[in-house]
C-alpha atoms as a PDB file:
ATOM      1  CA  UNK A   1     -27.287 236.599 -67.070  1.00  0.00           C
ATOM      2  CA  UNK A   2     -24.321 238.047 -65.224  1.00  0.00           C
ATOM      3  CA  UNK A   3     -21.175 238.914 -67.151  1.00  0.00           C
ATOM      4  CA  UNK A   4     -17.822 238.648 -65.433  1.00  0.00           C
ATOM      5  CA  UNK A   5     -15.978 240.831 -67.927  1.00  0.00           C
ATOM      6  CA  UNK A   6     -16.579 243.371 -70.641  1.00  0.00           C
ATOM      7  CA  UNK A   7     -15.359 241.087 -73.447  1.00  0.00           C
ATOM      8  CA  UNK A   8     -17.964 238.413 -72.722  1.00  0.00           C
ATOM      9  CA  UNK A   9     -20.716 241.049 -72.682  1.00  0.00           C
ATOM     10  CA  UNK A  10     -19.520 242.397 -76.033  1.00  0.00           C
ATOM     11  CA  UNK A  11     -19.340 238.880 -77.522  1.00  0.00           C
ATOM     12  CA  UNK A  12     -22.886 238.116 -76.410  1.00  0.00           C
ATOM     13  CA  UNK A  13     -24.245 241.380 -77.820  1.00  0.00           C
ATOM     14  CA  UNK A  14     -22.400 240.844 -81.117  1.00  0.00           C
ATOM     15  CA  UNK A  15     -23.736 237.292 -81.377  1.00  0.00           C
ATOM     16  CA  UNK A  16     -27.302 238.465 -80.673  1.00  0.00           C
ATOM     17  CA  UNK A  17     -27.038 241.264 -83.234  1.00  0.00           C
ATOM     18  CA  UNK A  18     -25.703 238.795 -85.800  1.00  0.00           C
ATOM     19  CA  UNK A  19     -28.529 236.332 -85.061  1.00  0.00           C
ATOM     20  CA  UNK A  20     -31.173 239.074 -85.248  1.00  0.00           C
ATOM     21  CA  UNK A  21     -29.815 240.345 -88.573  1.00  0.00           C
ATOM     22  CA  UNK A  22     -29.687 236.804 -89.983  1.00  0.00           C
ATOM     23  CA  UNK A  23     -33.280 236.219 -88.833  1.00  0.00           C
ATOM     24  CA  UNK A  24     -34.437 239.493 -90.389  1.00  0.00           C
ATOM     25  CA  UNK A  25     -32.532 238.755 -93.599  1.00  0.00           C
ATOM     26  CA  UNK A  26     -34.029 235.293 -93.939  1.00  0.00           C
ATOM     27  CA  UNK A  27     -37.539 236.688 -93.459  1.00  0.00           C
ATOM     28  CA  UNK A  28     -36.847 239.616 -95.810  1.00  0.00           C
ATOM     29  CA  UNK A  29     -35.633 237.226 -98.490  1.00  0.00           C
ATOM     30  CA  UNK A  30     -38.800 235.153 -98.135  1.00  0.00           C
ATOM     31  CA  UNK A  31     -40.926 238.311 -98.308  1.00  0.00           C
ATOM     32  CA  UNK A  32     -39.222 239.386-101.539  1.00  0.00           C
ATOM     33  CA  UNK A  33     -39.795 235.948-103.060  1.00  0.00           C
ATOM     34  CA  UNK A  34     -43.463 236.067-102.010  1.00  0.00           C
ATOM     35  CA  UNK A  35     -43.859 239.520-103.575  1.00  0.00           C
ATOM     36  CA  UNK A  36     -42.215 238.358-106.788  1.00  0.00           C
ATOM     37  CA  UNK A  37     -44.613 235.394-106.863  1.00  0.00           C
ATOM     38  CA  UNK A  38     -47.444 237.891-106.339  1.00  0.00           C
ATOM     39  CA  UNK A  39     -46.155 239.897-109.321  1.00  0.00           C
ATOM     40  CA  UNK A  40     -46.453 236.777-111.493  1.00  0.00           C
ATOM     41  CA  UNK A  41     -49.896 235.874-110.151  1.00  0.00           C
ATOM     42  CA  UNK A  42     -51.350 238.495-112.496  1.00  0.00           C
ATOM     43  CA  UNK A  43     -53.129 236.671-115.286  1.00  0.00           C
ATOM     44  CA  UNK A  44     -51.407 236.886-118.636  1.00  0.00           C
ATOM     45  CA  UNK A  45     -53.491 239.386-120.654  1.00  0.00           C
ATOM     46  CA  UNK A  46     -52.589 238.191-124.113  1.00  0.00           C
ATOM     47  CA  UNK A  47     -51.546 234.805-125.542  1.00  0.00           C
ATOM     48  CA  UNK A  48     -48.635 236.424-127.415  1.00  0.00           C
ATOM     49  CA  UNK A  49     -47.240 237.970-124.206  1.00  0.00           C
ATOM     50  CA  UNK A  50     -44.098 236.025-123.349  1.00  0.00           C
ATOM     51  CA  UNK A  51     -43.346 235.511-119.666  1.00  0.00           C
ATOM     52  CA  UNK A  52     -39.688 234.694-119.107  1.00  0.00           C
ATOM     53  CA  UNK A  53     -39.697 234.342-115.316  1.00  0.00           C
ATOM     54  CA  UNK A  54     -36.477 236.340-115.353  1.00  0.00           C
ATOM     55  CA  UNK A  55     -37.593 238.775-112.649  1.00  0.00           C
ATOM     56  CA  UNK A  56     -38.830 235.980-110.359  1.00  0.00           C
ATOM     57  CA  UNK A  57     -35.431 234.285-110.528  1.00  0.00           C
ATOM     58  CA  UNK A  58     -33.317 237.420-110.193  1.00  0.00           C
ATOM     59  CA  UNK A  59     -33.270 237.745-106.399  1.00  0.00           C
ATOM     60  CA  UNK A  60     -29.989 237.411-104.593  1.00  0.00           C
ATOM     61  CA  UNK A  61     -29.527 237.087-100.846  1.00  0.00           C
ATOM     62  CA  UNK A  62     -26.277 237.127 -98.931  1.00  0.00           C
ATOM     63  CA  UNK A  63     -25.538 237.214 -95.200  1.00  0.00           C
ATOM     64  CA  UNK A  64     -22.071 238.276 -94.096  1.00  0.00           C
ATOM     65  CA  UNK A  65     -20.951 237.942 -90.512  1.00  0.00           C
ATOM     66  CA  UNK A  66     -19.014 240.982 -89.394  1.00  0.00           C
ATOM     67  CA  UNK A  67     -16.921 241.734 -86.296  1.00  0.00           C
ATOM     68  CA  UNK A  68     -19.785 243.781 -84.829  1.00  0.00           C
ATOM     69  CA  UNK A  69     -22.746 241.686 -85.988  1.00  0.00           C
ATOM     70  CA  UNK A  70     -23.831 240.953 -89.510  1.00  0.00           C
ATOM     71  CA  UNK A  71     -24.981 242.429 -92.795  1.00  0.00           C
ATOM     72  CA  UNK A  72     -27.653 241.187 -95.162  1.00  0.00           C
ATOM     73  CA  UNK A  73     -27.612 242.099 -98.814  1.00  0.00           C
ATOM     74  CA  UNK A  74     -30.888 241.585-100.654  1.00  0.00           C
ATOM     75  CA  UNK A  75     -31.046 242.581-104.301  1.00  0.00           C
ATOM     76  CA  UNK A  76     -32.413 241.897-107.742  1.00  0.00           C
ATOM     77  CA  UNK A  77     -29.671 240.934-110.175  1.00  0.00           C
ATOM     78  CA  UNK A  78     -29.879 242.839-113.431  1.00  0.00           C
ATOM     79  CA  UNK A  79     -26.772 241.349-115.047  1.00  0.00           C
ATOM     80  CA  UNK A  80     -28.664 238.805-117.150  1.00  0.00           C
ATOM     81  CA  UNK A  81     -29.995 240.514-120.292  1.00  0.00           C
ATOM     82  CA  UNK A  82     -33.496 240.166-121.679  1.00  0.00           C
ATOM     83  CA  UNK A  83     -33.594 238.831-125.215  1.00  0.00           C
ATOM     84  CA  UNK A  84     -37.327 239.394-125.775  1.00  0.00           C
ATOM     85  CA  UNK A  85     -37.251 243.117-126.510  1.00  0.00           C
ATOM     86  CA  UNK A  86     -35.227 246.284-126.736  1.00  0.00           C
ATOM     87  CA  UNK A  87     -35.252 247.241-123.046  1.00  0.00           C
ATOM     88  CA  UNK A  88     -32.359 246.634-120.691  1.00  0.00           C
ATOM     89  CA  UNK A  89     -32.979 244.345-117.732  1.00  0.00           C
ATOM     90  CA  UNK A  90     -32.761 247.356-115.393  1.00  0.00           C
ATOM     91  CA  UNK A  91     -35.477 249.163-117.403  1.00  0.00           C
ATOM     92  CA  UNK A  92     -37.732 246.092-117.400  1.00  0.00           C
ATOM     93  CA  UNK A  93     -37.394 245.668-113.633  1.00  0.00           C
ATOM     94  CA  UNK A  94     -38.016 249.374-112.958  1.00  0.00           C
ATOM     95  CA  UNK A  95     -41.073 249.443-115.225  1.00  0.00           C
ATOM     96  CA  UNK A  96     -42.426 246.238-113.672  1.00  0.00           C
ATOM     97  CA  UNK A  97     -41.969 247.710-110.178  1.00  0.00           C
ATOM     98  CA  UNK A  98     -43.652 251.018-111.012  1.00  0.00           C
ATOM     99  CA  UNK A  99     -46.204 249.527-113.413  1.00  0.00           C
ATOM    100  CA  UNK A 100     -45.217 252.194-115.902  1.00  0.00           C
ATOM    101  CA  UNK A 101     -48.154 252.039-118.353  1.00  0.00           C
ATOM    102  CA  UNK A 102     -46.355 252.337-121.721  1.00  0.00           C
ATOM    103  CA  UNK A 103     -44.165 249.354-120.867  1.00  0.00           C
ATOM    104  CA  UNK A 104     -47.228 247.081-120.754  1.00  0.00           C
ATOM    105  CA  UNK A 105     -45.447 244.616-118.472  1.00  0.00           C
ATOM    106  CA  UNK A 106     -48.033 242.235-117.042  1.00  0.00           C
ATOM    107  CA  UNK A 107     -47.731 241.868-113.289  1.00  0.00           C
ATOM    108  CA  UNK A 108     -48.727 243.207-109.898  1.00  0.00           C
ATOM    109  CA  UNK A 109     -46.297 246.079-109.219  1.00  0.00           C
ATOM    110  CA  UNK A 110     -44.509 247.367-106.124  1.00  0.00           C
ATOM    111  CA  UNK A 111     -42.838 244.062-105.221  1.00  0.00           C
ATOM    112  CA  UNK A 112     -39.643 245.846-104.135  1.00  0.00           C
ATOM    113  CA  UNK A 113     -41.294 248.788-102.380  1.00  0.00           C
ATOM    114  CA  UNK A 114     -43.664 246.475-100.500  1.00  0.00           C
ATOM    115  CA  UNK A 115     -40.732 244.292 -99.430  1.00  0.00           C
ATOM    116  CA  UNK A 116     -38.691 247.258 -98.168  1.00  0.00           C
ATOM    117  CA  UNK A 117     -41.682 248.682 -96.287  1.00  0.00           C
ATOM    118  CA  UNK A 118     -42.358 245.373 -94.554  1.00  0.00           C
ATOM    119  CA  UNK A 119     -38.675 244.973 -93.645  1.00  0.00           C
ATOM    120  CA  UNK A 120     -38.564 248.416 -92.058  1.00  0.00           C
ATOM    121  CA  UNK A 121     -41.924 248.347 -90.303  1.00  0.00           C
ATOM    122  CA  UNK A 122     -42.329 244.687 -89.321  1.00  0.00           C
ATOM    123  CA  UNK A 123     -39.512 242.263 -90.049  1.00  0.00           C
ATOM    124  CA  UNK A 124     -36.527 244.141 -88.620  1.00  0.00           C
ATOM    125  CA  UNK A 125     -38.283 245.381 -85.454  1.00  0.00           C
ATOM    126  CA  UNK A 126     -39.716 241.916 -84.745  1.00  0.00           C
ATOM    127  CA  UNK A 127     -36.377 240.189 -85.317  1.00  0.00           C
ATOM    128  CA  UNK A 128     -34.560 242.650 -83.065  1.00  0.00           C
ATOM    129  CA  UNK A 129     -37.186 242.236 -80.341  1.00  0.00           C
ATOM    130  CA  UNK A 130     -36.973 238.441 -80.614  1.00  0.00           C
ATOM    131  CA  UNK A 131     -33.280 238.661 -79.711  1.00  0.00           C
ATOM    132  CA  UNK A 132     -33.771 240.981 -76.744  1.00  0.00           C
ATOM    133  CA  UNK A 133     -33.424 244.393 -78.328  1.00  0.00           C
ATOM    134  CA  UNK A 134     -36.323 246.680 -77.460  1.00  0.00           C
ATOM    135  CA  UNK A 135     -37.161 250.191 -78.482  1.00  0.00           C
END
C-alpha cells in the first residue's frame, strides 16, 4: 500500500494496533476463562466442601479504544464477598492461585500466572504478527 500523506499512514497504523490489541484481548479473555474452568475441573475432595463458582464468574474484560491504538483490561473482580468462611475474596483468590496448602481450596492452581505467561509468550506476539507487526 502506498500512502499519500503522513496522516493516512498514522491512521492505518493506529487502526492496526487497535485491531491487534482487540484480537489479543479477546484471546486472552478466552484463555483466562479456560484456565478458570481448568481450576474447577479438580474433583471435589469432600462432600462437605462447598463450591460457590465465585472465582469462575469473577473475570472482567474491557477493551478501550485510544487515540494511539487500544487497551485491554483483564482482571478478576474481588468486590463480591465470600459468605462461606472468614477469608476475604482477595485472600481466597490468592490462595486458590498459589494453591497455598493451609487454605485447602480445591482446584488446579496457577490460572492467572498461566494466563499471563501465555499472553506474553504466545497470544500477544501472534496477534501483533497477524496484523503486520513483526519482531
